[in-house]
Amino acid sequence: MRRWLAVVVVALAPSVAGAAEINGLSGRWCWTASTGPVAGYEVFIKRGGGAYVNAGDAPGGAGGLCVTATGADAETIQLQVRGFSANKATFGPSSPESDVARFHGAIGAPGTPVLQ
Protein backbone atom coordinates (compact mmCIF):
# COMPACT_ATOMS: atom_id res chain seq x y z
CA MET A 1 0.00 0.00 0.00
CA ARG A 2 1.39 3.41 -0.94
CA ARG A 3 1.22 6.44 1.33
CA TRP A 4 1.58 9.98 0.00
CA LEU A 5 2.80 13.01 1.85
CA ALA A 6 1.04 16.21 0.86
CA VAL A 7 3.23 19.27 0.40
CA VAL A 8 1.74 22.64 1.34
CA VAL A 9 3.05 25.71 -0.44
CA VAL A 10 2.59 29.06 1.31
CA ALA A 11 2.71 32.17 -0.85
CA LEU A 12 3.41 35.59 0.61
CA ALA A 13 1.30 38.56 -0.37
CA PRO A 14 2.51 40.27 -3.53
CA SER A 15 5.44 42.64 -3.14
CA VAL A 16 4.95 46.37 -3.12
CA ALA A 17 6.60 47.63 -6.30
CA GLY A 18 10.15 48.66 -5.49
CA ALA A 19 9.87 47.72 -1.80
CA ALA A 20 12.78 46.29 0.12
CA GLU A 21 11.51 43.03 1.59
CA ILE A 22 12.39 42.41 5.26
CA ASN A 23 12.26 38.83 6.48
CA GLY A 24 11.07 39.52 10.02
CA LEU A 25 9.31 42.25 11.92
CA SER A 26 12.22 44.64 12.50
CA GLY A 27 14.83 46.33 10.37
CA ARG A 28 17.81 48.64 10.84
CA TRP A 29 18.22 51.89 8.92
CA CYS A 30 21.50 53.86 8.84
CA TRP A 31 22.49 57.15 7.24
CA THR A 32 25.54 59.33 6.73
CA ALA A 33 26.13 62.22 9.10
CA SER A 34 24.92 65.75 8.50
CA THR A 35 27.53 68.46 8.26
CA GLY A 36 27.84 71.04 11.01
CA PRO A 37 27.42 70.84 14.80
CA VAL A 38 24.88 68.00 14.96
CA ALA A 39 23.87 66.80 18.43
CA GLY A 40 21.37 64.20 17.24
CA TYR A 41 18.70 63.32 14.73
CA GLU A 42 14.93 63.30 14.75
CA VAL A 43 13.53 60.13 13.18
CA PHE A 44 10.25 60.23 11.26
CA ILE A 45 8.38 57.10 10.15
CA LYS A 46 5.60 56.80 7.57
CA ARG A 47 3.53 53.62 7.88
CA GLY A 48 1.39 52.21 5.09
CA GLY A 49 1.49 55.36 2.99
CA GLY A 50 0.20 57.60 5.81
CA ALA A 51 1.82 60.78 7.08
CA TYR A 52 5.27 60.95 8.65
CA VAL A 53 5.19 60.77 12.46
CA ASN A 54 8.04 61.75 14.79
CA ALA A 55 9.29 58.44 16.20
CA GLY A 56 11.87 59.93 18.56
CA ASP A 57 15.51 60.95 18.53
CA ALA A 58 18.72 59.14 17.65
CA PRO A 59 22.03 60.33 19.09
CA GLY A 60 24.60 61.88 16.79
CA GLY A 61 28.23 60.87 16.66
CA ALA A 62 29.98 57.55 16.34
CA GLY A 63 27.57 54.63 16.28
CA GLY A 64 24.50 56.87 16.54
CA LEU A 65 23.60 57.00 12.88
CA CYS A 66 21.29 53.98 12.84
CA VAL A 67 17.86 53.13 14.22
CA THR A 68 15.83 49.95 14.44
CA ALA A 69 12.17 50.11 13.50
CA THR A 70 9.54 47.42 13.87
CA GLY A 71 6.35 46.72 12.00
CA ALA A 72 3.52 44.26 11.57
CA ASP A 73 3.40 41.49 8.98
CA ALA A 74 2.86 42.98 5.49
CA GLU A 75 3.22 46.56 6.80
CA THR A 76 5.24 49.02 4.73
CA ILE A 77 7.27 51.87 6.18
CA GLN A 78 9.61 54.65 5.10
CA LEU A 79 11.97 56.75 7.22
CA GLN A 80 13.37 60.27 7.13
CA VAL A 81 15.80 61.89 9.55
CA ARG A 82 16.94 65.44 10.22
CA GLY A 83 19.82 66.70 12.29
CA PHE A 84 19.49 69.09 15.20
CA SER A 85 21.93 71.17 17.20
CA ALA A 86 22.45 71.14 20.98
CA ASN A 87 19.18 71.70 22.89
CA LYS A 88 17.36 71.48 19.52
CA ALA A 89 18.05 75.16 18.95
CA THR A 90 18.23 74.66 15.18
CA PHE A 91 17.30 71.93 12.71
CA GLY A 92 18.77 70.91 9.40
CA PRO A 93 16.72 69.86 6.38
CA SER A 94 15.12 66.43 6.29
CA SER A 95 16.88 63.60 4.50
CA PRO A 96 15.37 62.14 1.35
CA GLU A 97 12.82 59.38 2.03
CA SER A 98 14.20 55.89 2.49
CA ASP A 99 13.12 53.19 0.10
CA VAL A 100 9.81 51.58 1.01
CA ALA A 101 10.36 48.51 3.20
CA ARG A 102 7.84 45.75 3.78
CA PHE A 103 7.92 43.43 6.79
CA HIS A 104 7.21 39.71 6.52
CA GLY A 105 6.53 37.71 9.66
CA ALA A 106 8.36 34.44 9.98
CA ILE A 107 6.56 31.34 8.72
CA GLY A 108 6.40 28.74 11.46
CA ALA A 109 7.26 25.10 11.03
CA PRO A 110 4.42 22.71 10.14
CA GLY A 111 3.35 19.98 12.52
CA THR A 112 5.03 16.60 12.58
CA PRO A 113 3.86 14.36 9.73
CA VAL A 114 1.84 11.44 11.08
CA LEU A 115 1.23 8.16 9.25
CA GLN A 116 -2.48 7.90 8.57
C-alpha atoms as a PDB file:
ATOM      1  CA  MET A   1       0.000   0.000   0.000  1.00  0.00           C
ATOM      2  CA  ARG A   2       1.392   3.412  -0.944  1.00  0.00           C
ATOM      3  CA  ARG A   3       1.217   6.436   1.327  1.00  0.00           C
ATOM      4  CA  TRP A   4       1.576   9.980  -0.001  1.00  0.00           C
ATOM      5  CA  LEU A   5       2.802  13.007   1.852  1.00  0.00           C
ATOM      6  CA  ALA A   6       1.038  16.207   0.856  1.00  0.00           C
ATOM      7  CA  VAL A   7       3.228  19.271   0.405  1.00  0.00           C
ATOM      8  CA  VAL A   8       1.742  22.636   1.338  1.00  0.00           C
ATOM      9  CA  VAL A   9       3.048  25.709  -0.437  1.00  0.00           C
ATOM     10  CA  VAL A  10       2.594  29.058   1.314  1.00  0.00           C
ATOM     11  CA  ALA A  11       2.706  32.169  -0.847  1.00  0.00           C
ATOM     12  CA  LEU A  12       3.408  35.590   0.612  1.00  0.00           C
ATOM     13  CA  ALA A  13       1.296  38.562  -0.373  1.00  0.00           C
ATOM     14  CA  PRO A  14       2.506  40.272  -3.534  1.00  0.00           C
ATOM     15  CA  SER A  15       5.442  42.637  -3.136  1.00  0.00           C
ATOM     16  CA  VAL A  16       4.951  46.372  -3.120  1.00  0.00           C
ATOM     17  CA  ALA A  17       6.597  47.630  -6.300  1.00  0.00           C
ATOM     18  CA  GLY A  18      10.147  48.659  -5.487  1.00  0.00           C
ATOM     19  CA  ALA A  19       9.872  47.719  -1.805  1.00  0.00           C
ATOM     20  CA  ALA A  20      12.784  46.288   0.121  1.00  0.00           C
ATOM     21  CA  GLU A  21      11.513  43.032   1.591  1.00  0.00           C
ATOM     22  CA  ILE A  22      12.394  42.413   5.259  1.00  0.00           C
ATOM     23  CA  ASN A  23      12.258  38.826   6.484  1.00  0.00           C
ATOM     24  CA  GLY A  24      11.073  39.517  10.023  1.00  0.00           C
ATOM     25  CA  LEU A  25       9.308  42.252  11.922  1.00  0.00           C
ATOM     26  CA  SER A  26      12.217  44.644  12.503  1.00  0.00           C
ATOM     27  CA  GLY A  27      14.833  46.327  10.369  1.00  0.00           C
ATOM     28  CA  ARG A  28      17.807  48.637  10.840  1.00  0.00           C
ATOM     29  CA  TRP A  29      18.223  51.893   8.924  1.00  0.00           C
ATOM     30  CA  CYS A  30      21.497  53.857   8.841  1.00  0.00           C
ATOM     31  CA  TRP A  31      22.491  57.150   7.241  1.00  0.00           C
ATOM     32  CA  THR A  32      25.536  59.327   6.731  1.00  0.00           C
ATOM     33  CA  ALA A  33      26.134  62.220   9.101  1.00  0.00           C
ATOM     34  CA  SER A  34      24.921  65.747   8.496  1.00  0.00           C
ATOM     35  CA  THR A  35      27.528  68.459   8.264  1.00  0.00           C
ATOM     36  CA  GLY A  36      27.839  71.044  11.009  1.00  0.00           C
ATOM     37  CA  PRO A  37      27.419  70.843  14.795  1.00  0.00           C
ATOM     38  CA  VAL A  38      24.879  68.004  14.963  1.00  0.00           C
ATOM     39  CA  ALA A  39      23.867  66.804  18.434  1.00  0.00           C
ATOM     40  CA  GLY A  40      21.373  64.202  17.237  1.00  0.00           C
ATOM     41  CA  TYR A  41      18.697  63.316  14.726  1.00  0.00           C
ATOM     42  CA  GLU A  42      14.926  63.304  14.753  1.00  0.00           C
ATOM     43  CA  VAL A  43      13.532  60.133  13.180  1.00  0.00           C
ATOM     44  CA  PHE A  44      10.247  60.230  11.264  1.00  0.00           C
ATOM     45  CA  ILE A  45       8.381  57.097  10.147  1.00  0.00           C
ATOM     46  CA  LYS A  46       5.596  56.804   7.570  1.00  0.00           C
ATOM     47  CA  ARG A  47       3.532  53.624   7.875  1.00  0.00           C
ATOM     48  CA  GLY A  48       1.394  52.206   5.092  1.00  0.00           C
ATOM     49  CA  GLY A  49       1.488  55.360   2.992  1.00  0.00           C
ATOM     50  CA  GLY A  50       0.200  57.596   5.810  1.00  0.00           C
ATOM     51  CA  ALA A  51       1.816  60.782   7.080  1.00  0.00           C
ATOM     52  CA  TYR A  52       5.265  60.954   8.655  1.00  0.00           C
ATOM     53  CA  VAL A  53       5.185  60.775  12.461  1.00  0.00           C
ATOM     54  CA  ASN A  54       8.038  61.747  14.792  1.00  0.00           C
ATOM     55  CA  ALA A  55       9.291  58.435  16.200  1.00  0.00           C
ATOM     56  CA  GLY A  56      11.869  59.932  18.562  1.00  0.00           C
ATOM     57  CA  ASP A  57      15.508  60.949  18.527  1.00  0.00           C
ATOM     58  CA  ALA A  58      18.718  59.144  17.652  1.00  0.00           C
ATOM     59  CA  PRO A  59      22.033  60.334  19.089  1.00  0.00           C
ATOM     60  CA  GLY A  60      24.605  61.876  16.795  1.00  0.00           C
ATOM     61  CA  GLY A  61      28.228  60.869  16.656  1.00  0.00           C
ATOM     62  CA  ALA A  62      29.980  57.554  16.335  1.00  0.00           C
ATOM     63  CA  GLY A  63      27.566  54.627  16.276  1.00  0.00           C
ATOM     64  CA  GLY A  64      24.504  56.868  16.536  1.00  0.00           C
ATOM     65  CA  LEU A  65      23.597  57.001  12.879  1.00  0.00           C
ATOM     66  CA  CYS A  66      21.290  53.984  12.845  1.00  0.00           C
ATOM     67  CA  VAL A  67      17.859  53.128  14.221  1.00  0.00           C
ATOM     68  CA  THR A  68      15.831  49.955  14.441  1.00  0.00           C
ATOM     69  CA  ALA A  69      12.170  50.111  13.498  1.00  0.00           C
ATOM     70  CA  THR A  70       9.536  47.425  13.872  1.00  0.00           C
ATOM     71  CA  GLY A  71       6.347  46.715  12.005  1.00  0.00           C
ATOM     72  CA  ALA A  72       3.516  44.261  11.571  1.00  0.00           C
ATOM     73  CA  ASP A  73       3.396  41.487   8.980  1.00  0.00           C
ATOM     74  CA  ALA A  74       2.864  42.980   5.488  1.00  0.00           C
ATOM     75  CA  GLU A  75       3.216  46.559   6.801  1.00  0.00           C
ATOM     76  CA  THR A  76       5.237  49.021   4.729  1.00  0.00           C
ATOM     77  CA  ILE A  77       7.272  51.865   6.176  1.00  0.00           C
ATOM     78  CA  GLN A  78       9.606  54.647   5.103  1.00  0.00           C
ATOM     79  CA  LEU A  79      11.972  56.753   7.218  1.00  0.00           C
ATOM     80  CA  GLN A  80      13.367  60.269   7.127  1.00  0.00           C
ATOM     81  CA  VAL A  81      15.797  61.892   9.548  1.00  0.00           C
ATOM     82  CA  ARG A  82      16.940  65.440  10.216  1.00  0.00           C
ATOM     83  CA  GLY A  83      19.821  66.696  12.294  1.00  0.00           C
ATOM     84  CA  PHE A  84      19.490  69.088  15.200  1.00  0.00           C
ATOM     85  CA  SER A  85      21.926  71.172  17.203  1.00  0.00           C
ATOM     86  CA  ALA A  86      22.449  71.136  20.978  1.00  0.00           C
ATOM     87  CA  ASN A  87      19.180  71.701  22.890  1.00  0.00           C
ATOM     88  CA  LYS A  88      17.360  71.476  19.517  1.00  0.00           C
ATOM     89  CA  ALA A  89      18.048  75.159  18.947  1.00  0.00           C
ATOM     90  CA  THR A  90      18.227  74.664  15.177  1.00  0.00           C
ATOM     91  CA  PHE A  91      17.298  71.925  12.714  1.00  0.00           C
ATOM     92  CA  GLY A  92      18.768  70.909   9.402  1.00  0.00           C
ATOM     93  CA  PRO A  93      16.723  69.862   6.383  1.00  0.00           C
ATOM     94  CA  SER A  94      15.125  66.426   6.290  1.00  0.00           C
ATOM     95  CA  SER A  95      16.881  63.599   4.500  1.00  0.00           C
ATOM     96  CA  PRO A  96      15.369  62.144   1.349  1.00  0.00           C
ATOM     97  CA  GLU A  97      12.820  59.381   2.027  1.00  0.00           C
ATOM     98  CA  SER A  98      14.196  55.890   2.486  1.00  0.00           C
ATOM     99  CA  ASP A  99      13.119  53.189   0.101  1.00  0.00           C
ATOM    100  CA  VAL A 100       9.813  51.582   1.008  1.00  0.00           C
ATOM    101  CA  ALA A 101      10.356  48.512   3.199  1.00  0.00           C
ATOM    102  CA  ARG A 102       7.841  45.751   3.780  1.00  0.00           C
ATOM    103  CA  PHE A 103       7.925  43.430   6.787  1.00  0.00           C
ATOM    104  CA  HIS A 104       7.211  39.710   6.522  1.00  0.00           C
ATOM    105  CA  GLY A 105       6.530  37.710   9.657  1.00  0.00           C
ATOM    106  CA  ALA A 106       8.362  34.436   9.976  1.00  0.00           C
ATOM    107  CA  ILE A 107       6.564  31.338   8.722  1.00  0.00           C
ATOM    108  CA  GLY A 108       6.396  28.741  11.463  1.00  0.00           C
ATOM    109  CA  ALA A 109       7.263  25.096  11.033  1.00  0.00           C
ATOM    110  CA  PRO A 110       4.423  22.714  10.140  1.00  0.00           C
ATOM    111  CA  GLY A 111       3.351  19.976  12.515  1.00  0.00           C
ATOM    112  CA  THR A 112       5.032  16.595  12.576  1.00  0.00           C
ATOM    113  CA  PRO A 113       3.858  14.358   9.734  1.00  0.00           C
ATOM    114  CA  VAL A 114       1.843  11.442  11.076  1.00  0.00           C
ATOM    115  CA  LEU A 115       1.232   8.164   9.247  1.00  0.00           C
ATOM    116  CA  GLN A 116      -2.483   7.899   8.566  1.00  0.00           C
END
